[in-house]
Amino acid sequence: MRRALLFAFALLALPTVHAADPQPFSASYTADFKQLPVGGGSATRSLEKNADGTWTLNFQASMMIASLTEVSTFKADKGTLLPQTYHFERGGLGKSKTVDLVFDWSTKFVTGTDRKGPIKIPLNTGILDKSTYQLALQNDVAAGKKTMSYQVVDGDETDTYDFRVLGTEKVDTKVGSVDAIKVERVRDPTQTKRITVMWFAKNYDYLLVRLQQVETDGKEYNIMLQDGTVNGKSVKGS
């Protein structure tokens, strides 16, 4: 249960991942966990440029029973996202977890550690971590793509994450009604019944404004934008 709740917060195989120039943003979210006897949670997500030209994507989530932190650094090189480091930390009830990865583009290896032990896997252009793929998805939706596929480091291997655009919808957020693009995670229905759907704001550099996840047991989790800014511009709905 705890893992599903935190995944709902975080949420986000082409040879290269093309991206527009990143735009700094910050956003806060509220969470609603239906069918569960726990209170709501909150989360923040931000992207900022560092003095050395790299970028930092930061995610923080907390709730009554657990907390989660994800921090990625990456370079944006001619429209391609190149992860540099990835840190994941989960705490609270149950088993805690920490993951640290280094993407060494000179040796072409991803090295690091997670709960199962040391990690060393080949690194090819297009491979992303569990945080930067969400930014790549945001950028590809902005570019008008209808289907997307990413190679993501997951434990001691890479996994393929597939998505498809479902259409446009208005999303009622804390800042008003926002025009958004609706995107669904594509999974093999013979393997899992889990459903993940995301909405990206059309007029605000396709910032994530809502995430809905339905677990295999029917439990539903909704993450909703509370407030945000994109490149200094406040997100405002109608």
C-alpha atoms as a PDB file:
ATOM      1  CA  MET A   1       0.000   0.000   0.000  1.00  0.00           C
ATOM      2  CA  ARG A   2       2.725   2.456   1.009  1.00  0.00           C
ATOM      3  CA  ARG A   3       4.655   1.825  -2.204  1.00  0.00           C
ATOM      4  CA  ALA A   4       1.547   2.467  -4.295  1.00  0.00           C
ATOM      5  CA  LEU A   5       0.826   5.742  -2.500  1.00  0.00           C
ATOM      6  CA  LEU A   6       4.321   7.051  -3.058  1.00  0.00           C
ATOM      7  CA  PHE A   7       4.363   5.929  -6.689  1.00  0.00           C
ATOM      8  CA  ALA A   8       1.171   7.877  -7.212  1.00  0.00           C
ATOM      9  CA  PHE A   9       3.013  10.965  -6.046  1.00  0.00           C
ATOM     10  CA  ALA A  10       5.968  10.540  -8.319  1.00  0.00           C
ATOM     11  CA  LEU A  11       5.053   9.521 -10.500  1.00  0.00           C
ATOM     12  CA  LEU A  12       6.402  11.181 -15.084  1.00  0.00           C
ATOM     13  CA  ALA A  13      12.617   2.922 -26.288  1.00  0.00           C
ATOM     14  CA  LEU A  14      13.806   5.754 -28.460  1.00  0.00           C
ATOM     15  CA  PRO A  15      17.506   5.919 -29.402  1.00  0.00           C
ATOM     16  CA  THR A  16      17.512   9.519 -28.193  1.00  0.00           C
ATOM     17  CA  VAL A  17      15.141  11.641 -26.110  1.00  0.00           C
ATOM     18  CA  HIS A  18      14.648  15.003 -27.782  1.00  0.00           C
ATOM     19  CA  ALA A  19      13.588  17.851 -25.528  1.00  0.00           C
ATOM     20  CA  ALA A  20      12.980  21.536 -25.851  1.00  0.00           C
ATOM     21  CA  ASP A  21      15.131  23.861 -23.773  1.00  0.00           C
ATOM     22  CA  PRO A  22      14.141  23.190 -20.135  1.00  0.00           C
ATOM     23  CA  GLN A  23      12.069  25.847 -18.397  1.00  0.00           C
ATOM     24  CA  PRO A  24      12.490  26.241 -14.623  1.00  0.00           C
ATOM     25  CA  PHE A  25       9.347  25.528 -12.637  1.00  0.00           C
ATOM     26  CA  SER A  26       8.036  24.847  -9.166  1.00  0.00           C
ATOM     27  CA  ALA A  27       4.737  23.273  -8.195  1.00  0.00           C
ATOM     28  CA  SER A  28       2.954  21.980  -5.124  1.00  0.00           C
ATOM     29  CA  TYR A  29       0.291  19.279  -5.046  1.00  0.00           C
ATOM     30  CA  THR A  30      -2.345  17.857  -2.741  1.00  0.00           C
ATOM     31  CA  ALA A  31      -3.284  14.190  -2.621  1.00  0.00           C
ATOM     32  CA  ASP A  32      -6.526  12.308  -2.106  1.00  0.00           C
ATOM     33  CA  PHE A  33      -6.376   8.616  -1.238  1.00  0.00           C
ATOM     34  CA  LYS A  34      -9.826   7.122  -1.715  1.00  0.00           C
ATOM     35  CA  GLN A  35     -10.871   4.000   0.218  1.00  0.00           C
ATOM     36  CA  LEU A  36      -8.006   4.380   2.674  1.00  0.00           C
ATOM     37  CA  PRO A  37      -8.215   5.322   6.361  1.00  0.00           C
ATOM     38  CA  VAL A  38      -5.368   7.868   6.129  1.00  0.00           C
ATOM     39  CA  GLY A  39      -5.227  11.602   5.772  1.00  0.00           C
ATOM     40  CA  GLY A  40      -4.142  13.468   2.683  1.00  0.00           C
ATOM     41  CA  GLY A  41      -0.605  14.202   1.711  1.00  0.00           C
ATOM     42  CA  SER A  42       1.369  16.893  -0.058  1.00  0.00           C
ATOM     43  CA  ALA A  43       4.161  17.072  -2.597  1.00  0.00           C
ATOM     44  CA  THR A  44       6.438  19.593  -4.302  1.00  0.00           C
ATOM     45  CA  ARG A  45       8.283  19.344  -7.598  1.00  0.00           C
ATOM     46  CA  SER A  46      10.795  21.827  -9.022  1.00  0.00           C
ATOM     47  CA  LEU A  47      13.333  22.271 -11.809  1.00  0.00           C
ATOM     48  CA  GLU A  48      16.184  24.772 -11.609  1.00  0.00           C
ATOM     49  CA  LYS A  49      19.363  25.507 -13.544  1.00  0.00           C
ATOM     50  CA  ASN A  50      22.685  25.277 -11.713  1.00  0.00           C
ATOM     51  CA  ALA A  51      25.688  27.576 -12.025  1.00  0.00           C
ATOM     52  CA  ASP A  52      27.635  24.938 -13.985  1.00  0.00           C
ATOM     53  CA  GLY A  53      24.901  24.664 -16.621  1.00  0.00           C
ATOM     54  CA  THR A  54      23.408  21.398 -15.335  1.00  0.00           C
ATOM     55  CA  TRP A  55      19.829  21.132 -14.094  1.00  0.00           C
ATOM     56  CA  THR A  56      18.353  19.761 -10.863  1.00  0.00           C
ATOM     57  CA  LEU A  57      14.926  18.123 -10.779  1.00  0.00           C
ATOM     58  CA  ASN A  58      13.687  17.810  -7.197  1.00  0.00           C
ATOM     59  CA  PHE A  59      10.661  15.955  -5.825  1.00  0.00           C
ATOM     60  CA  GLN A  60       9.518  15.805  -2.195  1.00  0.00           C
ATOM     61  CA  ALA A  61       6.415  14.012  -0.886  1.00  0.00           C
ATOM     62  CA  SER A  62       5.060  13.403   2.586  1.00  0.00           C
ATOM     63  CA  MET A  63       2.012  11.845   4.200  1.00  0.00           C
ATOM     64  CA  MET A  64       0.988  10.376   7.504  1.00  0.00           C
ATOM     65  CA  ILE A  65       2.727   7.063   6.972  1.00  0.00           C
ATOM     66  CA  ALA A  66       5.743   7.766   4.771  1.00  0.00           C
ATOM     67  CA  SER A  67       7.970  10.276   2.991  1.00  0.00           C
ATOM     68  CA  LEU A  68       9.844  10.287  -0.300  1.00  0.00           C
ATOM     69  CA  THR A  69      12.665  12.293  -1.864  1.00  0.00           C
ATOM     70  CA  GLU A  70      13.936  12.141  -5.456  1.00  0.00           C
ATOM     71  CA  VAL A  71      16.711  14.360  -6.784  1.00  0.00           C
ATOM     72  CA  SER A  72      18.127  14.138 -10.314  1.00  0.00           C
ATOM     73  CA  THR A  73      20.818  16.211 -11.987  1.00  0.00           C
ATOM     74  CA  PHE A  74      21.140  16.222 -15.766  1.00  0.00           C
ATOM     75  CA  LYS A  75      22.537  18.052 -18.771  1.00  0.00           C
ATOM     76  CA  ALA A  76      20.461  19.215 -21.736  1.00  0.00           C
ATOM     77  CA  ASP A  77      22.701  18.731 -24.777  1.00  0.00           C
ATOM     78  CA  LYS A  78      21.282  19.694 -28.190  1.00  0.00           C
ATOM     79  CA  GLY A  79      17.797  18.612 -27.228  1.00  0.00           C
ATOM     80  CA  THR A  80      18.857  15.415 -25.422  1.00  0.00           C
ATOM     81  CA  LEU A  81      18.529  14.799 -21.678  1.00  0.00           C
ATOM     82  CA  LEU A  82      21.709  13.317 -20.185  1.00  0.00           C
ATOM     83  CA  PRO A  83      21.267  12.212 -16.547  1.00  0.00           C
ATOM     84  CA  GLN A  84      24.250  12.813 -14.270  1.00  0.00           C
ATOM     85  CA  THR A  85      23.147  11.642 -10.813  1.00  0.00           C
ATOM     86  CA  TYR A  86      20.008  10.218  -9.226  1.00  0.00           C
ATOM     87  CA  HIS A  87      19.108   9.959  -5.531  1.00  0.00           C
ATOM     88  CA  PHE A  88      16.008   8.264  -4.119  1.00  0.00           C
ATOM     89  CA  GLU A  89      15.104   7.978  -0.457  1.00  0.00           C
ATOM     90  CA  ARG A  90      11.944   6.535   1.081  1.00  0.00           C
ATOM     91  CA  GLY A  91      11.216   6.429   4.786  1.00  0.00           C
ATOM     92  CA  GLY A  92       8.381   5.803   7.207  1.00  0.00           C
ATOM     93  CA  LEU A  93       6.540   2.672   8.188  1.00  0.00           C
ATOM     94  CA  GLY A  94       7.758  -0.583   6.698  1.00  0.00           C
ATOM     95  CA  LYS A  95      11.038  -0.966   4.805  1.00  0.00           C
ATOM     96  CA  SER A  96      13.020   2.152   4.015  1.00  0.00           C
ATOM     97  CA  LYS A  97      14.895   2.392   0.722  1.00  0.00           C
ATOM     98  CA  THR A  98      17.797   4.412  -0.677  1.00  0.00           C
ATOM     99  CA  VAL A  99      19.094   4.433  -4.245  1.00  0.00           C
ATOM    100  CA  ASP A 100      22.120   6.369  -5.543  1.00  0.00           C
ATOM    101  CA  LEU A 101      23.200   6.316  -9.192  1.00  0.00           C
ATOM    102  CA  VAL A 102      25.974   7.979 -11.195  1.00  0.00           C
ATOM    103  CA  PHE A 103      25.667   8.208 -14.987  1.00  0.00           C
ATOM    104  CA  ASP A 104      29.255   8.222 -16.269  1.00  0.00           C
ATOM    105  CA  TRP A 105      29.105   9.195 -19.937  1.00  0.00           C
ATOM    106  CA  SER A 106      32.897   8.841 -20.348  1.00  0.00           C
ATOM    107  CA  THR A 107      32.939   5.150 -19.378  1.00  0.00           C
ATOM    108  CA  LYS A 108      29.375   4.482 -20.621  1.00  0.00           C
ATOM    109  CA  PHE A 109      28.252   2.867 -17.359  1.00  0.00           C
ATOM    110  CA  VAL A 110      25.626   3.563 -14.714  1.00  0.00           C
ATOM    111  CA  THR A 111      27.028   2.714 -11.290  1.00  0.00           C
ATOM    112  CA  GLY A 112      25.613   2.941  -7.801  1.00  0.00           C
ATOM    113  CA  THR A 113      23.799   1.094  -5.048  1.00  0.00           C
ATOM    114  CA  ASP A 114      20.283   0.217  -4.006  1.00  0.00           C
ATOM    115  CA  ARG A 115      18.758  -2.020  -1.349  1.00  0.00           C
ATOM    116  CA  LYS A 116      19.781  -5.158  -3.270  1.00  0.00           C
ATOM    117  CA  GLY A 117      23.437  -4.145  -3.573  1.00  0.00           C
ATOM    118  CA  PRO A 118      25.804  -2.592  -6.134  1.00  0.00           C
ATOM    119  CA  ILE A 119      24.621  -1.587  -9.618  1.00  0.00           C
ATOM    120  CA  LYS A 120      26.639  -1.493 -12.838  1.00  0.00           C
ATOM    121  CA  ILE A 121      24.854  -1.480 -16.189  1.00  0.00           C
ATOM    122  CA  PRO A 122      25.790  -0.215 -19.682  1.00  0.00           C
ATOM    123  CA  LEU A 123      24.880   3.399 -20.434  1.00  0.00           C
ATOM    124  CA  ASN A 124      23.572   4.382 -23.853  1.00  0.00           C
ATOM    125  CA  THR A 125      22.160   7.676 -25.109  1.00  0.00           C
ATOM    126  CA  GLY A 126      18.453   7.747 -24.326  1.00  0.00           C
ATOM    127  CA  ILE A 127      18.650   5.983 -20.958  1.00  0.00           C
ATOM    128  CA  LEU A 128      16.967   7.968 -18.186  1.00  0.00           C
ATOM    129  CA  ASP A 129      16.370   7.649 -14.459  1.00  0.00           C
ATOM    130  CA  LYS A 130      12.989   7.356 -12.757  1.00  0.00           C
ATOM    131  CA  SER A 131      12.730  11.117 -12.387  1.00  0.00           C
ATOM    132  CA  THR A 132      14.090  12.568 -15.640  1.00  0.00           C
ATOM    133  CA  TYR A 133      11.880  10.330 -17.799  1.00  0.00           C
ATOM    134  CA  GLN A 134       8.929  12.324 -16.423  1.00  0.00           C
ATOM    135  CA  LEU A 135      10.506  15.507 -17.747  1.00  0.00           C
ATOM    136  CA  ALA A 136      11.171  13.831 -21.103  1.00  0.00           C
ATOM    137  CA  LEU A 137       7.506  12.796 -21.217  1.00  0.00           C
ATOM    138  CA  GLN A 138       6.435  16.367 -20.445  1.00  0.00           C
ATOM    139  CA  ASN A 139       8.634  17.673 -23.276  1.00  0.00           C
ATOM    140  CA  ASP A 140       7.451  15.070 -25.794  1.00  0.00           C
ATOM    141  CA  VAL A 141       3.821  15.860 -25.041  1.00  0.00           C
ATOM    142  CA  ALA A 142       4.652  19.522 -25.654  1.00  0.00           C
ATOM    143  CA  ALA A 143       6.206  18.533 -28.995  1.00  0.00           C
ATOM    144  CA  GLY A 144       2.909  16.977 -30.069  1.00  0.00           C
ATOM    145  CA  LYS A 145       3.888  13.318 -29.917  1.00  0.00           C
ATOM    146  CA  LYS A 146       1.036  10.820 -29.529  1.00  0.00           C
ATOM    147  CA  THR A 147       3.033   7.777 -28.372  1.00  0.00           C
ATOM    148  CA  MET A 148       6.214   7.795 -26.304  1.00  0.00           C
ATOM    149  CA  SER A 149       8.652   5.157 -25.089  1.00  0.00           C
ATOM    150  CA  TYR A 150      11.603   5.484 -22.697  1.00  0.00           C
ATOM    151  CA  GLN A 151      14.410   3.299 -21.418  1.00  0.00           C
ATOM    152  CA  VAL A 152      14.574   3.802 -17.639  1.00  0.00           C
ATOM    153  CA  VAL A 153      17.074   2.474 -15.110  1.00  0.00           C
ATOM    154  CA  ASP A 154      15.066   0.274 -12.739  1.00  0.00           C
ATOM    155  CA  GLY A 155      17.188  -1.534 -10.179  1.00  0.00           C
ATOM    156  CA  ASP A 156      20.059  -3.406 -11.849  1.00  0.00           C
ATOM    157  CA  GLU A 157      18.500  -3.297 -15.332  1.00  0.00           C
ATOM    158  CA  THR A 158      16.658  -1.016 -17.739  1.00  0.00           C
ATOM    159  CA  ASP A 159      12.922  -1.204 -18.346  1.00  0.00           C
ATOM    160  CA  THR A 160      10.727   0.232 -21.111  1.00  0.00           C
ATOM    161  CA  TYR A 161       8.036   2.744 -20.100  1.00  0.00           C
ATOM    162  CA  ASP A 162       5.358   3.321 -22.756  1.00  0.00           C
ATOM    163  CA  PHE A 163       2.766   6.116 -22.929  1.00  0.00           C
ATOM    164  CA  ARG A 164       0.016   7.329 -25.256  1.00  0.00           C
ATOM    165  CA  VAL A 165      -1.957  10.560 -25.555  1.00  0.00           C
ATOM    166  CA  LEU A 166      -5.699  10.134 -24.959  1.00  0.00           C
ATOM    167  CA  GLY A 167      -6.822  13.661 -25.897  1.00  0.00           C
ATOM    168  CA  THR A 168      -7.542  17.025 -24.289  1.00  0.00           C
ATOM    169  CA  GLU A 169      -9.546  17.803 -21.154  1.00  0.00           C
ATOM    170  CA  LYS A 170     -10.167  20.616 -18.712  1.00  0.00           C
ATOM    171  CA  VAL A 171      -8.889  19.880 -15.213  1.00  0.00           C
ATOM    172  CA  ASP A 172     -10.370  21.650 -12.196  1.00  0.00           C
ATOM    173  CA  THR A 173      -7.422  22.498  -9.942  1.00  0.00           C
ATOM    174  CA  LYS A 174      -6.900  24.719  -6.910  1.00  0.00           C
ATOM    175  CA  VAL A 175      -5.916  27.552  -9.297  1.00  0.00           C
ATOM    176  CA  GLY A 176      -8.947  27.118 -11.559  1.00  0.00           C
ATOM    177  CA  SER A 177      -9.844  25.140 -14.669  1.00  0.00           C
ATOM    178  CA  VAL A 178      -6.761  24.315 -16.761  1.00  0.00           C
ATOM    179  CA  ASP A 179      -6.651  23.102 -20.389  1.00  0.00           C
ATOM    180  CA  ALA A 180      -4.623  19.897 -20.370  1.00  0.00           C
ATOM    181  CA  ILE A 181      -3.371  16.978 -22.453  1.00  0.00           C
ATOM    182  CA  LYS A 182      -4.387  13.580 -21.035  1.00  0.00           C
ATOM    183  CA  VAL A 183      -1.736  10.838 -21.168  1.00  0.00           C
ATOM    184  CA  GLU A 184      -1.935   7.181 -20.137  1.00  0.00           C
ATOM    185  CA  ARG A 185       0.834   4.758 -19.131  1.00  0.00           C
ATOM    186  CA  VAL A 186       0.566   1.736 -21.445  1.00  0.00           C
ATOM    187  CA  ARG A 187       0.866  -1.630 -19.698  1.00  0.00           C
ATOM    188  CA  ASP A 188       0.257  -5.215 -20.716  1.00  0.00           C
ATOM    189  CA  PRO A 189      -3.259  -5.995 -19.370  1.00  0.00           C
ATOM    190  CA  THR A 190      -2.309  -9.662 -19.029  1.00  0.00           C
ATOM    191  CA  GLN A 191       0.438  -8.660 -16.574  1.00  0.00           C
ATOM    192  CA  THR A 192      -1.246  -5.958 -14.474  1.00  0.00           C
ATOM    193  CA  LYS A 193      -4.522  -4.091 -14.123  1.00  0.00           C
ATOM    194  CA  ARG A 194      -2.864  -0.976 -12.707  1.00  0.00           C
ATOM    195  CA  ILE A 195      -3.899   2.265 -14.438  1.00  0.00           C
ATOM    196  CA  THR A 196      -1.891   5.508 -14.444  1.00  0.00           C
ATOM    197  CA  VAL A 197      -3.204   8.666 -16.138  1.00  0.00           C
ATOM    198  CA  MET A 198      -1.585  12.136 -16.162  1.00  0.00           C
ATOM    199  CA  TRP A 199      -2.714  15.582 -17.292  1.00  0.00           C
ATOM    200  CA  PHE A 200      -0.265  18.259 -18.546  1.00  0.00           C
ATOM    201  CA  ALA A 201      -1.170  21.979 -18.743  1.00  0.00           C
ATOM    202  CA  LYS A 202      -1.166  23.184 -22.372  1.00  0.00           C
ATOM    203  CA  ASN A 203      -0.552  26.865 -21.579  1.00  0.00           C
ATOM    204  CA  TYR A 204       2.145  26.376 -18.944  1.00  0.00           C
ATOM    205  CA  ASP A 205       4.923  24.421 -20.685  1.00  0.00           C
ATOM    206  CA  TYR A 206       2.962  21.205 -20.097  1.00  0.00           C
ATOM    207  CA  LEU A 207       3.440  21.189 -16.349  1.00  0.00           C
ATOM    208  CA  LEU A 208       1.921  18.148 -14.621  1.00  0.00           C
ATOM    209  CA  VAL A 209      -1.391  19.268 -13.075  1.00  0.00           C
ATOM    210  CA  ARG A 210      -3.040  15.966 -12.154  1.00  0.00           C
ATOM    211  CA  LEU A 211      -2.132  12.308 -11.715  1.00  0.00           C
ATOM    212  CA  GLN A 212      -4.604   9.472 -11.151  1.00  0.00           C
ATOM    213  CA  GLN A 213      -3.652   5.922 -10.279  1.00  0.00           C
ATOM    214  CA  VAL A 214      -5.921   2.924  -9.828  1.00  0.00           C
ATOM    215  CA  GLU A 215      -4.300  -0.103  -8.232  1.00  0.00           C
ATOM    216  CA  THR A 216      -5.033  -3.736  -9.042  1.00  0.00           C
ATOM    217  CA  ASP A 217      -7.152  -3.951  -5.873  1.00  0.00           C
ATOM    218  CA  GLY A 218      -9.301  -0.997  -6.996  1.00  0.00           C
ATOM    219  CA  LYS A 219      -7.836   1.603  -4.647  1.00  0.00           C
ATOM    220  CA  GLU A 220      -7.598   5.038  -6.282  1.00  0.00           C
ATOM    221  CA  TYR A 221      -5.153   7.906  -5.695  1.00  0.00           C
ATOM    222  CA  ASN A 222      -5.391  11.417  -7.128  1.00  0.00           C
ATOM    223  CA  ILE A 223      -2.660  14.061  -7.116  1.00  0.00           C
ATOM    224  CA  MET A 224      -3.857  17.599  -7.918  1.00  0.00           C
ATOM    225  CA  LEU A 225      -2.014  20.863  -8.549  1.00  0.00           C
ATOM    226  CA  GLN A 226      -2.317  23.351  -5.705  1.00  0.00           C
ATOM    227  CA  ASP A 227      -0.152  26.127  -7.129  1.00  0.00           C
ATOM    228  CA  GLY A 228       2.801  26.551  -9.441  1.00  0.00           C
ATOM    229  CA  THR A 229       5.052  28.801 -11.505  1.00  0.00           C
ATOM    230  CA  VAL A 230       6.712  28.124 -14.869  1.00  0.00           C
ATOM    231  CA  ASN A 231       9.666  30.311 -15.813  1.00  0.00           C
ATOM    232  CA  GLY A 232       8.417  32.860 -13.266  1.00  0.00           C
ATOM    233  CA  LYS A 233       4.823  32.847 -14.557  1.00  0.00           C
ATOM    234  CA  SER A 234       2.130  31.807 -12.068  1.00  0.00           C
ATOM    235  CA  VAL A 235      -0.226  29.047 -13.181  1.00  0.00           C
ATOM    236  CA  LYS A 236      -3.797  30.381 -13.334  1.00  0.00           C
ATOM    237  CA  GLY A 237      -6.916  28.640 -14.624  1.00  0.00           C
ATOM    238  CA  SER A 238     -10.176  30.082 -15.876  1.00  0.00           C
END
